[in-house]
Amino acid sequence: MRRILTEMGSEPFEPEEADEVLNEIQFDPDGLVQQEGGHKKCIASYTNCIFTYTECIVRYANCIFMCTHIE
């Protein structure tokens, strides 16, 4: 997951940013995002994503990053 965030997408995350975002995401044993945790807006954008898994993860991570850095 960290590799996806730091190497893929139009604007890859810095390693520290990727770690920060991954700490915010709660995955179940199947690698799916748990509905209970995180930011509801971001979870909705992730679950409704129509792109590839990698692109959905990148978009979801960007959403989490924005939610945690905009007060």
PDB file of N, CA and C in Angstrom:
ATOM      1  N   MET A   1       0.823  -1.181   0.000  1.00  0.00           N
ATOM      2  CA  MET A   1       0.000   0.000   0.000  1.00  0.00           C
ATOM      3  C   MET A   1       0.879   1.260   0.000  1.00  0.00           C
ATOM      4  N   ARG A   2       1.903   1.233   0.821  1.00  0.00           N
ATOM      5  CA  ARG A   2       2.817   2.392   0.889  1.00  0.00           C
ATOM      6  C   ARG A   2       3.472   2.634  -0.466  1.00  0.00           C
ATOM      7  N   ARG A   3       3.833   1.554  -1.134  1.00  0.00           N
ATOM      8  CA  ARG A   3       4.472   1.687  -2.447  1.00  0.00           C
ATOM      9  C   ARG A   3       3.514   2.326  -3.455  1.00  0.00           C
ATOM     10  N   ILE A   4       2.251   1.933  -3.414  1.00  0.00           N
ATOM     11  CA  ILE A   4       1.258   2.538  -4.306  1.00  0.00           C
ATOM     12  C   ILE A   4       1.226   4.045  -4.090  1.00  0.00           C
ATOM     13  N   LEU A   5       1.192   4.459  -2.829  1.00  0.00           N
ATOM     14  CA  LEU A   5       1.059   5.891  -2.524  1.00  0.00           C
ATOM     15  C   LEU A   5       2.311   6.686  -2.860  1.00  0.00           C
ATOM     16  N   THR A   6       3.476   6.081  -2.711  1.00  0.00           N
ATOM     17  CA  THR A   6       4.712   6.835  -2.940  1.00  0.00           C
ATOM     18  C   THR A   6       5.222   6.748  -4.373  1.00  0.00           C
ATOM     19  N   GLU A   7       4.687   5.820  -5.170  1.00  0.00           N
ATOM     20  CA  GLU A   7       5.209   5.650  -6.521  1.00  0.00           C
ATOM     21  C   GLU A   7       4.170   5.828  -7.623  1.00  0.00           C
ATOM     22  N   MET A   8       2.894   5.848  -7.271  1.00  0.00           N
ATOM     23  CA  MET A   8       1.865   5.902  -8.314  1.00  0.00           C
ATOM     24  C   MET A   8       0.971   7.113  -8.134  1.00  0.00           C
ATOM     25  N   GLY A   9       0.154   7.365  -9.119  1.00  0.00           N
ATOM     26  CA  GLY A   9      -0.716   8.530  -9.086  1.00  0.00           C
ATOM     27  C   GLY A   9      -0.025   9.727  -9.701  1.00  0.00           C
ATOM     28  N   SER A  10      -0.797  10.748 -10.000  1.00  0.00           N
ATOM     29  CA  SER A  10      -0.236  11.926 -10.666  1.00  0.00           C
ATOM     30  C   SER A  10       0.689  12.722  -9.751  1.00  0.00           C
ATOM     31  N   GLU A  11       0.418  12.693  -8.441  1.00  0.00           N
ATOM     32  CA  GLU A  11       1.270  13.386  -7.477  1.00  0.00           C
ATOM     33  C   GLU A  11       1.563  12.441  -6.317  1.00  0.00           C
ATOM     34  N   PRO A  12       2.626  11.620  -6.437  1.00  0.00           N
ATOM     35  CA  PRO A  12       2.930  10.643  -5.380  1.00  0.00           C
ATOM     36  C   PRO A  12       3.168  11.315  -4.029  1.00  0.00           C
ATOM     37  N   PHE A  13       2.844  10.601  -2.981  1.00  0.00           N
ATOM     38  CA  PHE A  13       3.058  11.070  -1.618  1.00  0.00           C
ATOM     39  C   PHE A  13       4.533  10.976  -1.260  1.00  0.00           C
ATOM     40  N   GLU A  14       4.966  11.863  -0.391  1.00  0.00           N
ATOM     41  CA  GLU A  14       6.267  11.706   0.250  1.00  0.00           C
ATOM     42  C   GLU A  14       6.129  10.530   1.221  1.00  0.00           C
ATOM     43  N   PRO A  15       7.214   9.807   1.516  1.00  0.00           N
ATOM     44  CA  PRO A  15       7.109   8.648   2.409  1.00  0.00           C
ATOM     45  C   PRO A  15       6.452   8.961   3.760  1.00  0.00           C
ATOM     46  N   GLU A  16       6.788  10.113   4.339  1.00  0.00           N
ATOM     47  CA  GLU A  16       6.204  10.478   5.641  1.00  0.00           C
ATOM     48  C   GLU A  16       4.699  10.707   5.517  1.00  0.00           C
ATOM     49  N   GLU A  17       4.286  11.337   4.419  1.00  0.00           N
ATOM     50  CA  GLU A  17       2.864  11.581   4.191  1.00  0.00           C
ATOM     51  C   GLU A  17       2.119  10.264   3.994  1.00  0.00           C
ATOM     52  N   ALA A  18       2.722   9.351   3.250  1.00  0.00           N
ATOM     53  CA  ALA A  18       2.099   8.042   3.018  1.00  0.00           C
ATOM     54  C   ALA A  18       1.884   7.308   4.338  1.00  0.00           C
ATOM     55  N   ASP A  19       2.891   7.337   5.203  1.00  0.00           N
ATOM     56  CA  ASP A  19       2.774   6.682   6.507  1.00  0.00           C
ATOM     57  C   ASP A  19       1.654   7.309   7.327  1.00  0.00           C
ATOM     58  N   GLU A  20       1.569   8.616   7.284  1.00  0.00           N
ATOM     59  CA  GLU A  20       0.536   9.333   8.029  1.00  0.00           C
ATOM     60  C   GLU A  20      -0.857   8.937   7.557  1.00  0.00           C
ATOM     61  N   VAL A  21      -1.039   8.882   6.242  1.00  0.00           N
ATOM     62  CA  VAL A  21      -2.334   8.523   5.677  1.00  0.00           C
ATOM     63  C   VAL A  21      -2.672   7.065   5.996  1.00  0.00           C
ATOM     64  N   LEU A  22      -1.709   6.171   5.851  1.00  0.00           N
ATOM     65  CA  LEU A  22      -1.963   4.757   6.109  1.00  0.00           C
ATOM     66  C   LEU A  22      -2.360   4.506   7.564  1.00  0.00           C
ATOM     67  N   ASN A  23      -1.874   5.331   8.476  1.00  0.00           N
ATOM     68  CA  ASN A  23      -2.278   5.213   9.878  1.00  0.00           C
ATOM     69  C   ASN A  23      -3.740   5.589  10.081  1.00  0.00           C
ATOM     70  N   GLU A  24      -4.294   6.383   9.175  1.00  0.00           N
ATOM     71  CA  GLU A  24      -5.691   6.822   9.272  1.00  0.00           C
ATOM     72  C   GLU A  24      -6.666   5.818   8.662  1.00  0.00           C
ATOM     73  N   ILE A  25      -6.168   4.950   7.775  1.00  0.00           N
ATOM     74  CA  ILE A  25      -7.035   4.019   7.061  1.00  0.00           C
ATOM     75  C   ILE A  25      -7.131   2.709   7.840  1.00  0.00           C
ATOM     76  N   GLN A  26      -8.341   2.228   8.012  1.00  0.00           N
ATOM     77  CA  GLN A  26      -8.545   0.956   8.699  1.00  0.00           C
ATOM     78  C   GLN A  26      -9.027  -0.070   7.682  1.00  0.00           C
ATOM     79  N   PHE A  27      -8.231  -1.124   7.512  1.00  0.00           N
ATOM     80  CA  PHE A  27      -8.570  -2.181   6.565  1.00  0.00           C
ATOM     81  C   PHE A  27      -9.062  -3.417   7.302  1.00  0.00           C
ATOM     82  N   ASP A  28      -9.976  -4.161   6.672  1.00  0.00           N
ATOM     83  CA  ASP A  28     -10.381  -5.444   7.230  1.00  0.00           C
ATOM     84  C   ASP A  28      -9.425  -6.518   6.702  1.00  0.00           C
ATOM     85  N   PRO A  29      -9.564  -7.775   7.141  1.00  0.00           N
ATOM     86  CA  PRO A  29      -8.632  -8.818   6.709  1.00  0.00           C
ATOM     87  C   PRO A  29      -8.594  -9.046   5.193  1.00  0.00           C
ATOM     88  N   ASP A  30      -9.639  -8.644   4.481  1.00  0.00           N
ATOM     89  CA  ASP A  30      -9.674  -8.814   3.028  1.00  0.00           C
ATOM     90  C   ASP A  30      -9.055  -7.636   2.281  1.00  0.00           C
ATOM     91  N   GLY A  31      -8.536  -6.654   3.021  1.00  0.00           N
ATOM     92  CA  GLY A  31      -7.913  -5.500   2.382  1.00  0.00           C
ATOM     93  C   GLY A  31      -8.904  -4.428   1.984  1.00  0.00           C
ATOM     94  N   LEU A  32     -10.141  -4.553   2.446  1.00  0.00           N
ATOM     95  CA  LEU A  32     -11.155  -3.540   2.147  1.00  0.00           C
ATOM     96  C   LEU A  32     -11.194  -2.531   3.280  1.00  0.00           C
ATOM     97  N   VAL A  33     -11.600  -1.325   2.964  1.00  0.00           N
ATOM     98  CA  VAL A  33     -11.661  -0.278   3.976  1.00  0.00           C
ATOM     99  C   VAL A  33     -12.838  -0.544   4.907  1.00  0.00           C
ATOM    100  N   GLN A  34     -12.573  -0.517   6.201  1.00  0.00           N
ATOM    101  CA  GLN A  34     -13.644  -0.709   7.177  1.00  0.00           C
ATOM    102  C   GLN A  34     -14.545   0.515   7.194  1.00  0.00           C
ATOM    103  N   GLN A  35     -15.825   0.276   7.205  1.00  0.00           N
ATOM    104  CA  GLN A  35     -16.792   1.367   7.138  1.00  0.00           C
ATOM    105  C   GLN A  35     -16.835   2.194   8.430  1.00  0.00           C
ATOM    106  N   GLU A  36     -16.475   1.578   9.568  1.00  0.00           N
ATOM    107  CA  GLU A  36     -16.607   2.292  10.845  1.00  0.00           C
ATOM    108  C   GLU A  36     -15.600   3.416  11.003  1.00  0.00           C
ATOM    109  N   GLY A  37     -14.405   3.241  10.468  1.00  0.00           N
ATOM    110  CA  GLY A  37     -13.332   4.186  10.740  1.00  0.00           C
ATOM    111  C   GLY A  37     -13.146   5.207   9.644  1.00  0.00           C
ATOM    112  N   GLY A  38     -12.294   6.154   9.906  1.00  0.00           N
ATOM    113  CA  GLY A  38     -11.918   7.141   8.896  1.00  0.00           C
ATOM    114  C   GLY A  38     -12.943   8.248   8.704  1.00  0.00           C
ATOM    115  N   HIS A  39     -12.890   8.855   7.560  1.00  0.00           N
ATOM    116  CA  HIS A  39     -13.736  10.000   7.250  1.00  0.00           C
ATOM    117  C   HIS A  39     -14.848   9.560   6.308  1.00  0.00           C
ATOM    118  N   LYS A  40     -16.096   9.824   6.674  1.00  0.00           N
ATOM    119  CA  LYS A  40     -17.234   9.306   5.907  1.00  0.00           C
ATOM    120  C   LYS A  40     -17.224   9.777   4.461  1.00  0.00           C
ATOM    121  N   LYS A  41     -16.854  11.021   4.216  1.00  0.00           N
ATOM    122  CA  LYS A  41     -16.804  11.532   2.845  1.00  0.00           C
ATOM    123  C   LYS A  41     -15.801  10.724   2.022  1.00  0.00           C
ATOM    124  N   CYS A  42     -14.662  10.436   2.629  1.00  0.00           N
ATOM    125  CA  CYS A  42     -13.610   9.705   1.917  1.00  0.00           C
ATOM    126  C   CYS A  42     -14.011   8.251   1.695  1.00  0.00           C
ATOM    127  N   ILE A  43     -14.644   7.651   2.694  1.00  0.00           N
ATOM    128  CA  ILE A  43     -15.092   6.269   2.535  1.00  0.00           C
ATOM    129  C   ILE A  43     -16.098   6.176   1.399  1.00  0.00           C
ATOM    130  N   ALA A  44     -16.990   7.153   1.317  1.00  0.00           N
ATOM    131  CA  ALA A  44     -17.970   7.154   0.229  1.00  0.00           C
ATOM    132  C   ALA A  44     -17.280   7.277  -1.120  1.00  0.00           C
ATOM    133  N   SER A  45     -16.272   8.139  -1.202  1.00  0.00           N
ATOM    134  CA  SER A  45     -15.579   8.311  -2.480  1.00  0.00           C
ATOM    135  C   SER A  45     -14.799   7.054  -2.835  1.00  0.00           C
ATOM    136  N   TYR A  46     -14.305   6.344  -1.828  1.00  0.00           N
ATOM    137  CA  TYR A  46     -13.567   5.100  -2.078  1.00  0.00           C
ATOM    138  C   TYR A  46     -14.504   3.988  -2.528  1.00  0.00           C
ATOM    139  N   THR A  47     -15.616   3.832  -1.822  1.00  0.00           N
ATOM    140  CA  THR A  47     -16.515   2.722  -2.140  1.00  0.00           C
ATOM    141  C   THR A  47     -17.241   2.940  -3.463  1.00  0.00           C
ATOM    142  N   ASN A  48     -17.384   4.177  -3.876  1.00  0.00           N
ATOM    143  CA  ASN A  48     -18.049   4.464  -5.146  1.00  0.00           C
ATOM    144  C   ASN A  48     -17.065   4.650  -6.299  1.00  0.00           C
ATOM    145  N   CYS A  49     -15.803   4.400  -6.053  1.00  0.00           N
ATOM    146  CA  CYS A  49     -14.764   4.637  -7.060  1.00  0.00           C
ATOM    147  C   CYS A  49     -14.943   3.683  -8.244  1.00  0.00           C
ATOM    148  N   ILE A  50     -14.870   4.235  -9.455  1.00  0.00           N
ATOM    149  CA  ILE A  50     -15.084   3.429 -10.658  1.00  0.00           C
ATOM    150  C   ILE A  50     -13.783   3.135 -11.400  1.00  0.00           C
ATOM    151  N   PHE A  51     -12.649   3.496 -10.799  1.00  0.00           N
ATOM    152  CA  PHE A  51     -11.354   3.309 -11.441  1.00  0.00           C
ATOM    153  C   PHE A  51     -10.719   1.995 -10.973  1.00  0.00           C
ATOM    154  N   THR A  52      -9.459   1.774 -11.325  1.00  0.00           N
ATOM    155  CA  THR A  52      -8.761   0.579 -10.869  1.00  0.00           C
ATOM    156  C   THR A  52      -8.544   0.663  -9.361  1.00  0.00           C
ATOM    157  N   TYR A  53      -8.259  -0.487  -8.755  1.00  0.00           N
ATOM    158  CA  TYR A  53      -8.009  -0.537  -7.315  1.00  0.00           C
ATOM    159  C   TYR A  53      -6.917   0.443  -6.911  1.00  0.00           C
ATOM    160  N   THR A  54      -5.825   0.448  -7.682  1.00  0.00           N
ATOM    161  CA  THR A  54      -4.712   1.349  -7.367  1.00  0.00           C
ATOM    162  C   THR A  54      -5.148   2.799  -7.402  1.00  0.00           C
ATOM    163  N   GLU A  55      -5.860   3.189  -8.451  1.00  0.00           N
ATOM    164  CA  GLU A  55      -6.309   4.579  -8.576  1.00  0.00           C
ATOM    165  C   GLU A  55      -7.308   4.935  -7.479  1.00  0.00           C
ATOM    166  N   CYS A  56      -8.165   3.985  -7.112  1.00  0.00           N
ATOM    167  CA  CYS A  56      -9.123   4.241  -6.030  1.00  0.00           C
ATOM    168  C   CYS A  56      -8.398   4.468  -4.710  1.00  0.00           C
ATOM    169  N   ILE A  57      -7.376   3.658  -4.446  1.00  0.00           N
ATOM    170  CA  ILE A  57      -6.592   3.830  -3.217  1.00  0.00           C
ATOM    171  C   ILE A  57      -5.900   5.182  -3.206  1.00  0.00           C
ATOM    172  N   VAL A  58      -5.331   5.585  -4.339  1.00  0.00           N
ATOM    173  CA  VAL A  58      -4.645   6.876  -4.418  1.00  0.00           C
ATOM    174  C   VAL A  58      -5.638   8.013  -4.175  1.00  0.00           C
ATOM    175  N   ARG A  59      -6.803   7.937  -4.792  1.00  0.00           N
ATOM    176  CA  ARG A  59      -7.820   8.986  -4.596  1.00  0.00           C
ATOM    177  C   ARG A  59      -8.308   9.007  -3.143  1.00  0.00           C
ATOM    178  N   TYR A  60      -8.505   7.828  -2.583  1.00  0.00           N
ATOM    179  CA  TYR A  60      -8.947   7.734  -1.190  1.00  0.00           C
ATOM    180  C   TYR A  60      -7.895   8.324  -0.248  1.00  0.00           C
ATOM    181  N   ALA A  61      -6.637   7.996  -0.490  1.00  0.00           N
ATOM    182  CA  ALA A  61      -5.545   8.518   0.336  1.00  0.00           C
ATOM    183  C   ALA A  61      -5.464  10.034   0.224  1.00  0.00           C
ATOM    184  N   ASN A  62      -5.653  10.564  -0.966  1.00  0.00           N
ATOM    185  CA  ASN A  62      -5.640  12.024  -1.145  1.00  0.00           C
ATOM    186  C   ASN A  62      -6.778  12.668  -0.361  1.00  0.00           C
ATOM    187  N   CYS A  63      -7.929  12.026  -0.357  1.00  0.00           N
ATOM    188  CA  CYS A  63      -9.067  12.547   0.402  1.00  0.00           C
ATOM    189  C   CYS A  63      -8.752  12.554   1.899  1.00  0.00           C
ATOM    190  N   ILE A  64      -8.230  11.440   2.405  1.00  0.00           N
ATOM    191  CA  ILE A  64      -7.852  11.356   3.823  1.00  0.00           C
ATOM    192  C   ILE A  64      -6.830  12.433   4.169  1.00  0.00           C
ATOM    193  N   PHE A  65      -5.835  12.596   3.298  1.00  0.00           N
ATOM    194  CA  PHE A  65      -4.780  13.589   3.538  1.00  0.00           C
ATOM    195  C   PHE A  65      -5.390  14.985   3.648  1.00  0.00           C
ATOM    196  N   MET A  66      -6.283  15.307   2.719  1.00  0.00           N
ATOM    197  CA  MET A  66      -6.918  16.633   2.746  1.00  0.00           C
ATOM    198  C   MET A  66      -7.772  16.802   4.002  1.00  0.00           C
ATOM    199  N   CYS A  67      -8.500  15.767   4.380  1.00  0.00           N
ATOM    200  CA  CYS A  67      -9.352  15.857   5.577  1.00  0.00           C
ATOM    201  C   CYS A  67      -8.530  16.060   6.844  1.00  0.00           C
ATOM    202  N   THR A  68      -7.363  15.445   6.908  1.00  0.00           N
ATOM    203  CA  THR A  68      -6.568  15.541   8.126  1.00  0.00           C
ATOM    204  C   THR A  68      -5.713  16.803   8.178  1.00  0.00           C
ATOM    205  N   HIS A  69      -5.588  17.514   7.048  1.00  0.00           N
ATOM    206  CA  HIS A  69      -4.744  18.709   7.027  1.00  0.00           C
ATOM    207  C   HIS A  69      -5.528  20.017   6.867  1.00  0.00           C
ATOM    208  N   ILE A  70      -6.821  19.909   6.703  1.00  0.00           N
ATOM    209  CA  ILE A  70      -7.647  21.122   6.607  1.00  0.00           C
ATOM    210  C   ILE A  70      -8.540  21.167   7.835  1.00  0.00           C
ATOM    211  N   GLU A  71      -8.323  22.119   8.659  1.00  0.00           N
ATOM    212  CA  GLU A  71      -9.097  22.260   9.904  1.00  0.00           C
ATOM    213  C   GLU A  71     -10.168  23.304   9.706  1.00  0.00           C
TER     214      GLU A  71
END
